[in-house]
Amino acid sequence: MYQIDVKENLKRIFVTTKYTKTLRPLFGLDNHIDKRGDLYNLLALKNDILDQIAMHEPRIKPTQIIFTQDENGVNFDIAYIQDNATQFLRINL
């Protein structure tokens, strides 16, 4: 069975909005665009990310999610364990 790379699958999860895929309506993140970057919304985004990883990428175990903001928007760095090795991925939303 063909499986895509973990990083590629994570990127697909994070750039897909929920309910936009007909056959997988729960795939992707809720619409967090244009929401304030306050603690409540960032916590909701973090929980959404963790739920999506648990549901759609069981090959990894996330260990840390860090949000930063710059002129390009919100970035998040995710650290995760895959095959007993720590990996990192940075996504810009």
PDB file of N, CA and C in Angstrom:
ATOM      1  N   MET A   1       0.846  -1.186   0.000  1.00  0.00           N
ATOM      2  CA  MET A   1       0.000   0.000   0.000  1.00  0.00           C
ATOM      3  C   MET A   1       0.889   1.246   0.000  1.00  0.00           C
ATOM      4  N   TYR A   2       0.568   2.185  -0.818  1.00  0.00           N
ATOM      5  CA  TYR A   2       1.322   3.426  -0.925  1.00  0.00           C
ATOM      6  C   TYR A   2       0.895   4.381   0.184  1.00  0.00           C
ATOM      7  N   GLN A   3       1.884   4.897   0.903  1.00  0.00           N
ATOM      8  CA  GLN A   3       1.615   5.909   1.916  1.00  0.00           C
ATOM      9  C   GLN A   3       2.490   7.122   1.629  1.00  0.00           C
ATOM     10  N   ILE A   4       1.899   8.294   1.773  1.00  0.00           N
ATOM     11  CA  ILE A   4       2.691   9.494   1.562  1.00  0.00           C
ATOM     12  C   ILE A   4       3.563   9.745   2.781  1.00  0.00           C
ATOM     13  N   ASP A   5       4.579  10.548   2.589  1.00  0.00           N
ATOM     14  CA  ASP A   5       5.499  10.922   3.648  1.00  0.00           C
ATOM     15  C   ASP A   5       4.751  11.631   4.773  1.00  0.00           C
ATOM     16  N   VAL A   6       5.227  11.455   5.990  1.00  0.00           N
ATOM     17  CA  VAL A   6       4.585  12.066   7.159  1.00  0.00           C
ATOM     18  C   VAL A   6       4.528  13.577   7.020  1.00  0.00           C
ATOM     19  N   LYS A   7       5.638  14.202   6.639  1.00  0.00           N
ATOM     20  CA  LYS A   7       5.650  15.668   6.515  1.00  0.00           C
ATOM     21  C   LYS A   7       4.673  16.138   5.450  1.00  0.00           C
ATOM     22  N   GLU A   8       4.594  15.410   4.361  1.00  0.00           N
ATOM     23  CA  GLU A   8       3.644  15.779   3.300  1.00  0.00           C
ATOM     24  C   GLU A   8       2.208  15.641   3.800  1.00  0.00           C
ATOM     25  N   ASN A   9       1.927  14.582   4.540  1.00  0.00           N
ATOM     26  CA  ASN A   9       0.577  14.399   5.071  1.00  0.00           C
ATOM     27  C   ASN A   9       0.230  15.491   6.081  1.00  0.00           C
ATOM     28  N   LEU A  10       1.183  15.863   6.932  1.00  0.00           N
ATOM     29  CA  LEU A  10       0.939  16.948   7.880  1.00  0.00           C
ATOM     30  C   LEU A  10       0.642  18.250   7.155  1.00  0.00           C
ATOM     31  N   LYS A  11       1.411  18.550   6.124  1.00  0.00           N
ATOM     32  CA  LYS A  11       1.164  19.773   5.354  1.00  0.00           C
ATOM     33  C   LYS A  11      -0.234  19.758   4.743  1.00  0.00           C
ATOM     34  N   ARG A  12      -0.650  18.606   4.222  1.00  0.00           N
ATOM     35  CA  ARG A  12      -1.989  18.503   3.633  1.00  0.00           C
ATOM     36  C   ARG A  12      -3.069  18.724   4.679  1.00  0.00           C
ATOM     37  N   ILE A  13      -2.851  18.171   5.864  1.00  0.00           N
ATOM     38  CA  ILE A  13      -3.828  18.379   6.940  1.00  0.00           C
ATOM     39  C   ILE A  13      -3.945  19.857   7.262  1.00  0.00           C
ATOM     40  N   PHE A  14      -2.798  20.534   7.375  1.00  0.00           N
ATOM     41  CA  PHE A  14      -2.787  21.915   7.855  1.00  0.00           C
ATOM     42  C   PHE A  14      -3.253  22.930   6.825  1.00  0.00           C
ATOM     43  N   VAL A  15      -3.192  22.605   5.547  1.00  0.00           N
ATOM     44  CA  VAL A  15      -3.660  23.558   4.531  1.00  0.00           C
ATOM     45  C   VAL A  15      -5.075  23.265   4.055  1.00  0.00           C
ATOM     46  N   THR A  16      -5.663  22.179   4.551  1.00  0.00           N
ATOM     47  CA  THR A  16      -7.026  21.813   4.167  1.00  0.00           C
ATOM     48  C   THR A  16      -8.001  22.297   5.235  1.00  0.00           C
ATOM     49  N   THR A  17      -9.084  22.891   4.806  1.00  0.00           N
ATOM     50  CA  THR A  17     -10.134  23.330   5.719  1.00  0.00           C
ATOM     51  C   THR A  17     -11.152  22.213   5.871  1.00  0.00           C
ATOM     52  N   LYS A  18     -11.600  22.000   7.096  1.00  0.00           N
ATOM     53  CA  LYS A  18     -12.613  20.972   7.344  1.00  0.00           C
ATOM     54  C   LYS A  18     -13.821  21.178   6.457  1.00  0.00           C
ATOM     55  N   TYR A  19     -14.444  20.078   6.113  1.00  0.00           N
ATOM     56  CA  TYR A  19     -15.682  20.022   5.337  1.00  0.00           C
ATOM     57  C   TYR A  19     -15.502  20.426   3.873  1.00  0.00           C
ATOM     58  N   THR A  20     -14.260  20.500   3.388  1.00  0.00           N
ATOM     59  CA  THR A  20     -14.046  20.798   1.976  1.00  0.00           C
ATOM     60  C   THR A  20     -13.799  19.534   1.161  1.00  0.00           C
ATOM     61  N   LYS A  21     -13.530  18.415   1.803  1.00  0.00           N
ATOM     62  CA  LYS A  21     -13.347  17.142   1.103  1.00  0.00           C
ATOM     63  C   LYS A  21     -14.612  16.314   1.289  1.00  0.00           C
ATOM     64  N   THR A  22     -15.257  15.986   0.199  1.00  0.00           N
ATOM     65  CA  THR A  22     -16.539  15.300   0.254  1.00  0.00           C
ATOM     66  C   THR A  22     -16.438  13.936   0.932  1.00  0.00           C
ATOM     67  N   LEU A  23     -15.425  13.161   0.599  1.00  0.00           N
ATOM     68  CA  LEU A  23     -15.313  11.815   1.153  1.00  0.00           C
ATOM     69  C   LEU A  23     -14.647  11.771   2.521  1.00  0.00           C
ATOM     70  N   ARG A  24     -14.012  12.847   2.922  1.00  0.00           N
ATOM     71  CA  ARG A  24     -13.373  12.935   4.246  1.00  0.00           C
ATOM     72  C   ARG A  24     -13.652  14.307   4.842  1.00  0.00           C
ATOM     73  N   PRO A  25     -14.889  14.553   5.255  1.00  0.00           N
ATOM     74  CA  PRO A  25     -15.256  15.904   5.691  1.00  0.00           C
ATOM     75  C   PRO A  25     -14.548  16.366   6.964  1.00  0.00           C
ATOM     76  N   LEU A  26     -14.081  15.460   7.809  1.00  0.00           N
ATOM     77  CA  LEU A  26     -13.420  15.857   9.049  1.00  0.00           C
ATOM     78  C   LEU A  26     -11.910  16.003   8.887  1.00  0.00           C
ATOM     79  N   PHE A  27     -11.409  15.849   7.680  1.00  0.00           N
ATOM     80  CA  PHE A  27      -9.984  16.006   7.400  1.00  0.00           C
ATOM     81  C   PHE A  27      -9.650  17.487   7.294  1.00  0.00           C
ATOM     82  N   GLY A  28      -8.650  17.940   8.034  1.00  0.00           N
ATOM     83  CA  GLY A  28      -8.207  19.326   7.953  1.00  0.00           C
ATOM     84  C   GLY A  28      -8.567  20.112   9.200  1.00  0.00           C
ATOM     85  N   LEU A  29      -8.119  21.345   9.204  1.00  0.00           N
ATOM     86  CA  LEU A  29      -8.318  22.225  10.351  1.00  0.00           C
ATOM     87  C   LEU A  29      -9.576  23.058  10.193  1.00  0.00           C
ATOM     88  N   ASP A  30     -10.122  23.479  11.334  1.00  0.00           N
ATOM     89  CA  ASP A  30     -11.204  24.457  11.293  1.00  0.00           C
ATOM     90  C   ASP A  30     -10.651  25.743  10.694  1.00  0.00           C
ATOM     91  N   ASN A  31     -11.510  26.623  10.293  1.00  0.00           N
ATOM     92  CA  ASN A  31     -11.073  27.874   9.674  1.00  0.00           C
ATOM     93  C   ASN A  31     -10.551  28.824  10.756  1.00  0.00           C
ATOM     94  N   HIS A  32      -9.228  28.892  10.883  1.00  0.00           N
ATOM     95  CA  HIS A  32      -8.602  29.763  11.873  1.00  0.00           C
ATOM     96  C   HIS A  32      -8.085  31.059  11.247  1.00  0.00           C
ATOM     97  N   ILE A  33      -8.301  31.213   9.950  1.00  0.00           N
ATOM     98  CA  ILE A  33      -7.867  32.415   9.255  1.00  0.00           C
ATOM     99  C   ILE A  33      -8.723  33.584   9.719  1.00  0.00           C
ATOM    100  N   ASP A  34      -8.126  34.738   9.832  1.00  0.00           N
ATOM    101  CA  ASP A  34      -8.799  35.981  10.220  1.00  0.00           C
ATOM    102  C   ASP A  34      -9.324  35.977  11.657  1.00  0.00           C
ATOM    103  N   LYS A  35      -8.805  35.092  12.474  1.00  0.00           N
ATOM    104  CA  LYS A  35      -9.151  35.129  13.891  1.00  0.00           C
ATOM    105  C   LYS A  35      -8.007  35.793  14.632  1.00  0.00           C
ATOM    106  N   ARG A  36      -8.335  36.447  15.712  1.00  0.00           N
ATOM    107  CA  ARG A  36      -7.301  37.104  16.505  1.00  0.00           C
ATOM    108  C   ARG A  36      -6.331  36.068  17.044  1.00  0.00           C
ATOM    109  N   GLY A  37      -5.087  36.470  17.226  1.00  0.00           N
ATOM    110  CA  GLY A  37      -4.070  35.570  17.743  1.00  0.00           C
ATOM    111  C   GLY A  37      -3.998  35.574  19.244  1.00  0.00           C
ATOM    112  N   ASP A  38      -5.152  35.612  19.897  1.00  0.00           N
ATOM    113  CA  ASP A  38      -5.137  35.614  21.361  1.00  0.00           C
ATOM    114  C   ASP A  38      -4.975  34.179  21.875  1.00  0.00           C
ATOM    115  N   LEU A  39      -4.813  34.062  23.171  1.00  0.00           N
ATOM    116  CA  LEU A  39      -4.535  32.775  23.790  1.00  0.00           C
ATOM    117  C   LEU A  39      -5.657  31.766  23.546  1.00  0.00           C
ATOM    118  N   TYR A  40      -6.888  32.208  23.605  1.00  0.00           N
ATOM    119  CA  TYR A  40      -8.029  31.315  23.395  1.00  0.00           C
ATOM    120  C   TYR A  40      -8.006  30.699  21.989  1.00  0.00           C
ATOM    121  N   ASN A  41      -7.800  31.534  20.970  1.00  0.00           N
ATOM    122  CA  ASN A  41      -7.801  31.034  19.589  1.00  0.00           C
ATOM    123  C   ASN A  41      -6.582  30.170  19.298  1.00  0.00           C
ATOM    124  N   LEU A  42      -5.434  30.523  19.872  1.00  0.00           N
ATOM    125  CA  LEU A  42      -4.247  29.690  19.672  1.00  0.00           C
ATOM    126  C   LEU A  42      -4.400  28.333  20.353  1.00  0.00           C
ATOM    127  N   LEU A  43      -5.036  28.302  21.507  1.00  0.00           N
ATOM    128  CA  LEU A  43      -5.295  27.038  22.179  1.00  0.00           C
ATOM    129  C   LEU A  43      -6.265  26.182  21.364  1.00  0.00           C
ATOM    130  N   ALA A  44      -7.277  26.808  20.783  1.00  0.00           N
ATOM    131  CA  ALA A  44      -8.220  26.078  19.931  1.00  0.00           C
ATOM    132  C   ALA A  44      -7.506  25.516  18.704  1.00  0.00           C
ATOM    133  N   LEU A  45      -6.602  26.296  18.114  1.00  0.00           N
ATOM    134  CA  LEU A  45      -5.827  25.825  16.970  1.00  0.00           C
ATOM    135  C   LEU A  45      -4.925  24.664  17.378  1.00  0.00           C
ATOM    136  N   LYS A  46      -4.268  24.780  18.513  1.00  0.00           N
ATOM    137  CA  LYS A  46      -3.393  23.704  18.984  1.00  0.00           C
ATOM    138  C   LYS A  46      -4.187  22.415  19.203  1.00  0.00           C
ATOM    139  N   ASN A  47      -5.339  22.514  19.850  1.00  0.00           N
ATOM    140  CA  ASN A  47      -6.170  21.335  20.072  1.00  0.00           C
ATOM    141  C   ASN A  47      -6.662  20.733  18.767  1.00  0.00           C
ATOM    142  N   ASP A  48      -6.989  21.576  17.812  1.00  0.00           N
ATOM    143  CA  ASP A  48      -7.411  21.114  16.492  1.00  0.00           C
ATOM    144  C   ASP A  48      -6.266  20.360  15.811  1.00  0.00           C
ATOM    145  N   ILE A  49      -5.059  20.901  15.895  1.00  0.00           N
ATOM    146  CA  ILE A  49      -3.890  20.248  15.311  1.00  0.00           C
ATOM    147  C   ILE A  49      -3.662  18.881  15.947  1.00  0.00           C
ATOM    148  N   LEU A  50      -3.705  18.816  17.265  1.00  0.00           N
ATOM    149  CA  LEU A  50      -3.481  17.545  17.962  1.00  0.00           C
ATOM    150  C   LEU A  50      -4.562  16.522  17.619  1.00  0.00           C
ATOM    151  N   ASP A  51      -5.809  16.954  17.515  1.00  0.00           N
ATOM    152  CA  ASP A  51      -6.893  16.045  17.141  1.00  0.00           C
ATOM    153  C   ASP A  51      -6.693  15.500  15.733  1.00  0.00           C
ATOM    154  N   GLN A  52      -6.303  16.372  14.798  1.00  0.00           N
ATOM    155  CA  GLN A  52      -6.101  15.943  13.418  1.00  0.00           C
ATOM    156  C   GLN A  52      -4.936  14.963  13.292  1.00  0.00           C
ATOM    157  N   ILE A  53      -3.866  15.229  14.028  1.00  0.00           N
ATOM    158  CA  ILE A  53      -2.725  14.307  13.991  1.00  0.00           C
ATOM    159  C   ILE A  53      -3.130  12.947  14.550  1.00  0.00           C
ATOM    160  N   ALA A  54      -3.850  12.947  15.656  1.00  0.00           N
ATOM    161  CA  ALA A  54      -4.283  11.678  16.249  1.00  0.00           C
ATOM    162  C   ALA A  54      -5.197  10.899  15.298  1.00  0.00           C
ATOM    163  N   MET A  55      -6.038  11.610  14.569  1.00  0.00           N
ATOM    164  CA  MET A  55      -7.003  10.961  13.697  1.00  0.00           C
ATOM    165  C   MET A  55      -6.397  10.534  12.355  1.00  0.00           C
ATOM    166  N   HIS A  56      -5.527  11.371  11.776  1.00  0.00           N
ATOM    167  CA  HIS A  56      -5.097  11.140  10.392  1.00  0.00           C
ATOM    168  C   HIS A  56      -3.614  10.823  10.220  1.00  0.00           C
ATOM    169  N   GLU A  57      -2.836  10.892  11.275  1.00  0.00           N
ATOM    170  CA  GLU A  57      -1.408  10.573  11.149  1.00  0.00           C
ATOM    171  C   GLU A  57      -0.947   9.801  12.392  1.00  0.00           C
ATOM    172  N   PRO A  58      -1.375   8.551  12.510  1.00  0.00           N
ATOM    173  CA  PRO A  58      -1.035   7.762  13.705  1.00  0.00           C
ATOM    174  C   PRO A  58       0.426   7.316  13.764  1.00  0.00           C
ATOM    175  N   ARG A  59       1.201   7.550  12.713  1.00  0.00           N
ATOM    176  CA  ARG A  59       2.611   7.123  12.710  1.00  0.00           C
ATOM    177  C   ARG A  59       3.496   7.987  13.589  1.00  0.00           C
ATOM    178  N   ILE A  60       2.982   9.131  14.073  1.00  0.00           N
ATOM    179  CA  ILE A  60       3.812  10.036  14.865  1.00  0.00           C
ATOM    180  C   ILE A  60       3.159  10.351  16.204  1.00  0.00           C
ATOM    181  N   LYS A  61       3.983  10.853  17.104  1.00  0.00           N
ATOM    182  CA  LYS A  61       3.505  11.326  18.408  1.00  0.00           C
ATOM    183  C   LYS A  61       4.028  12.741  18.587  1.00  0.00           C
ATOM    184  N   PRO A  62       3.158  13.748  18.533  1.00  0.00           N
ATOM    185  CA  PRO A  62       3.611  15.134  18.699  1.00  0.00           C
ATOM    186  C   PRO A  62       4.104  15.373  20.120  1.00  0.00           C
ATOM    187  N   THR A  63       5.203  16.118  20.239  1.00  0.00           N
ATOM    188  CA  THR A  63       5.764  16.412  21.557  1.00  0.00           C
ATOM    189  C   THR A  63       5.699  17.893  21.897  1.00  0.00           C
ATOM    190  N   GLN A  64       5.670  18.757  20.882  1.00  0.00           N
ATOM    191  CA  GLN A  64       5.667  20.190  21.150  1.00  0.00           C
ATOM    192  C   GLN A  64       5.132  20.952  19.945  1.00  0.00           C
ATOM    193  N   ILE A  65       4.336  21.977  20.229  1.00  0.00           N
ATOM    194  CA  ILE A  65       3.865  22.895  19.193  1.00  0.00           C
ATOM    195  C   ILE A  65       4.137  24.306  19.695  1.00  0.00           C
ATOM    196  N   ILE A  66       4.863  25.077  18.891  1.00  0.00           N
ATOM    197  CA  ILE A  66       5.218  26.445  19.258  1.00  0.00           C
ATOM    198  C   ILE A  66       4.691  27.386  18.179  1.00  0.00           C
ATOM    199  N   PHE A  67       3.962  28.413  18.604  1.00  0.00           N
ATOM    200  CA  PHE A  67       3.442  29.419  17.683  1.00  0.00           C
ATOM    201  C   PHE A  67       4.320  30.658  17.729  1.00  0.00           C
ATOM    202  N   THR A  68       4.599  31.214  16.574  1.00  0.00           N
ATOM    203  CA  THR A  68       5.277  32.498  16.474  1.00  0.00           C
ATOM    204  C   THR A  68       4.540  33.323  15.422  1.00  0.00           C
ATOM    205  N   GLN A  69       4.705  34.624  15.503  1.00  0.00           N
ATOM    206  CA  GLN A  69       4.044  35.497  14.540  1.00  0.00           C
ATOM    207  C   GLN A  69       5.067  36.438  13.946  1.00  0.00           C
ATOM    208  N   ASP A  70       4.997  36.629  12.633  1.00  0.00           N
ATOM    209  CA  ASP A  70       5.845  37.589  11.949  1.00  0.00           C
ATOM    210  C   ASP A  70       5.020  38.309  10.900  1.00  0.00           C
ATOM    211  N   GLU A  71       5.684  39.040  10.013  1.00  0.00           N
ATOM    212  CA  GLU A  71       4.949  39.830   9.015  1.00  0.00           C
ATOM    213  C   GLU A  71       4.214  38.959   8.001  1.00  0.00           C
ATOM    214  N   ASN A  72       4.565  37.674   7.910  1.00  0.00           N
ATOM    215  CA  ASN A  72       3.912  36.765   6.967  1.00  0.00           C
ATOM    216  C   ASN A  72       2.719  36.027   7.566  1.00  0.00           C
ATOM    217  N   GLY A  73       2.473  36.211   8.845  1.00  0.00           N
ATOM    218  CA  GLY A  73       1.355  35.528   9.495  1.00  0.00           C
ATOM    219  C   GLY A  73       1.819  34.716  10.684  1.00  0.00           C
ATOM    220  N   VAL A  74       1.048  33.700  10.995  1.00  0.00           N
ATOM    221  CA  VAL A  74       1.347  32.840  12.135  1.00  0.00           C
ATOM    222  C   VAL A  74       2.125  31.622  11.646  1.00  0.00           C
ATOM    223  N   ASN A  75       3.220  31.357  12.307  1.00  0.00           N
ATOM    224  CA  ASN A  75       4.013  30.154  12.038  1.00  0.00           C
ATOM    225  C   ASN A  75       3.839  29.214  13.207  1.00  0.00           C
ATOM    226  N   PHE A  76       3.912  27.935  12.948  1.00  0.00           N
ATOM    227  CA  PHE A  76       4.014  27.029  14.072  1.00  0.00           C
ATOM    228  C   PHE A  76       5.035  25.964  13.754  1.00  0.00           C
ATOM    229  N   ASP A  77       5.813  25.672  14.776  1.00  0.00           N
ATOM    230  CA  ASP A  77       6.814  24.617  14.711  1.00  0.00           C
ATOM    231  C   ASP A  77       6.275  23.444  15.495  1.00  0.00           C
ATOM    232  N   ILE A  78       6.312  22.301  14.869  1.00  0.00           N
ATOM    233  CA  ILE A  78       5.838  21.106  15.539  1.00  0.00           C
ATOM    234  C   ILE A  78       6.991  20.116  15.641  1.00  0.00           C
ATOM    235  N   ALA A  79       7.204  19.620  16.831  1.00  0.00           N
ATOM    236  CA  ALA A  79       8.184  18.570  17.070  1.00  0.00           C
ATOM    237  C   ALA A  79       7.405  17.289  17.326  1.00  0.00           C
ATOM    238  N   TYR A  80       7.883  16.200  16.739  1.00  0.00           N
ATOM    239  CA  TYR A  80       7.187  14.929  16.899  1.00  0.00           C
ATOM    240  C   TYR A  80       8.187  13.780  16.865  1.00  0.00           C
ATOM    241  N   ILE A  81       7.744  12.664  17.376  1.00  0.00           N
ATOM    242  CA  ILE A  81       8.585  11.465  17.388  1.00  0.00           C
ATOM    243  C   ILE A  81       8.045  10.506  16.342  1.00  0.00           C
ATOM    244  N   GLN A  82       8.968  10.058  15.489  1.00  0.00           N
ATOM    245  CA  GLN A  82       8.641   9.068  14.463  1.00  0.00           C
ATOM    246  C   GLN A  82       9.773   8.057  14.423  1.00  0.00           C
ATOM    247  N   ASP A  83       9.463   6.815  14.585  1.00  0.00           N
ATOM    248  CA  ASP A  83      10.477   5.747  14.573  1.00  0.00           C
ATOM    249  C   ASP A  83      11.603   6.025  15.563  1.00  0.00           C
ATOM    250  N   ASN A  84      11.241   6.435  16.770  1.00  0.00           N
ATOM    251  CA  ASN A  84      12.188   6.711  17.867  1.00  0.00           C
ATOM    252  C   ASN A  84      13.171   7.839  17.556  1.00  0.00           C
ATOM    253  N   ALA A  85      12.830   8.701  16.631  1.00  0.00           N
ATOM    254  CA  ALA A  85      13.666   9.864  16.306  1.00  0.00           C
ATOM    255  C   ALA A  85      12.791  11.110  16.334  1.00  0.00           C
ATOM    256  N   THR A  86      13.340  12.198  16.852  1.00  0.00           N
ATOM    257  CA  THR A  86      12.602  13.449  16.897  1.00  0.00           C
ATOM    258  C   THR A  86      12.738  14.179  15.562  1.00  0.00           C
ATOM    259  N   GLN A  87      11.612  14.614  15.028  1.00  0.00           N
ATOM    260  CA  GLN A  87      11.550  15.349  13.766  1.00  0.00           C
ATOM    261  C   GLN A  87      10.925  16.713  14.025  1.00  0.00           C
ATOM    262  N   PHE A  88      11.176  17.655  13.108  1.00  0.00           N
ATOM    263  CA  PHE A  88      10.633  18.999  13.229  1.00  0.00           C
ATOM    264  C   PHE A  88      10.012  19.419  11.901  1.00  0.00           C
ATOM    265  N   LEU A  89       8.976  20.228  12.001  1.00  0.00           N
ATOM    266  CA  LEU A  89       8.318  20.766  10.808  1.00  0.00           C
ATOM    267  C   LEU A  89       7.837  22.163  11.126  1.00  0.00           C
ATOM    268  N   ARG A  90       8.072  23.121  10.226  1.00  0.00           N
ATOM    269  CA  ARG A  90       7.578  24.490  10.365  1.00  0.00           C
ATOM    270  C   ARG A  90       6.538  24.740   9.269  1.00  0.00           C
ATOM    271  N   ILE A  91       5.397  25.269   9.709  1.00  0.00           N
ATOM    272  CA  ILE A  91       4.295  25.586   8.799  1.00  0.00           C
ATOM    273  C   ILE A  91       3.937  27.047   8.983  1.00  0.00           C
ATOM    274  N   ASN A  92       3.658  27.739   7.876  1.00  0.00           N
ATOM    275  CA  ASN A  92       3.183  29.116   7.914  1.00  0.00           C
ATOM    276  C   ASN A  92       1.721  29.115   7.531  1.00  0.00           C
ATOM    277  N   LEU A  93       0.885  29.650   8.402  1.00  0.00           N
ATOM    278  CA  LEU A  93      -0.557  29.738   8.097  1.00  0.00           C
ATOM    279  C   LEU A  93      -0.915  31.127   7.636  1.00  0.00           C
TER     280      LEU A  93
END
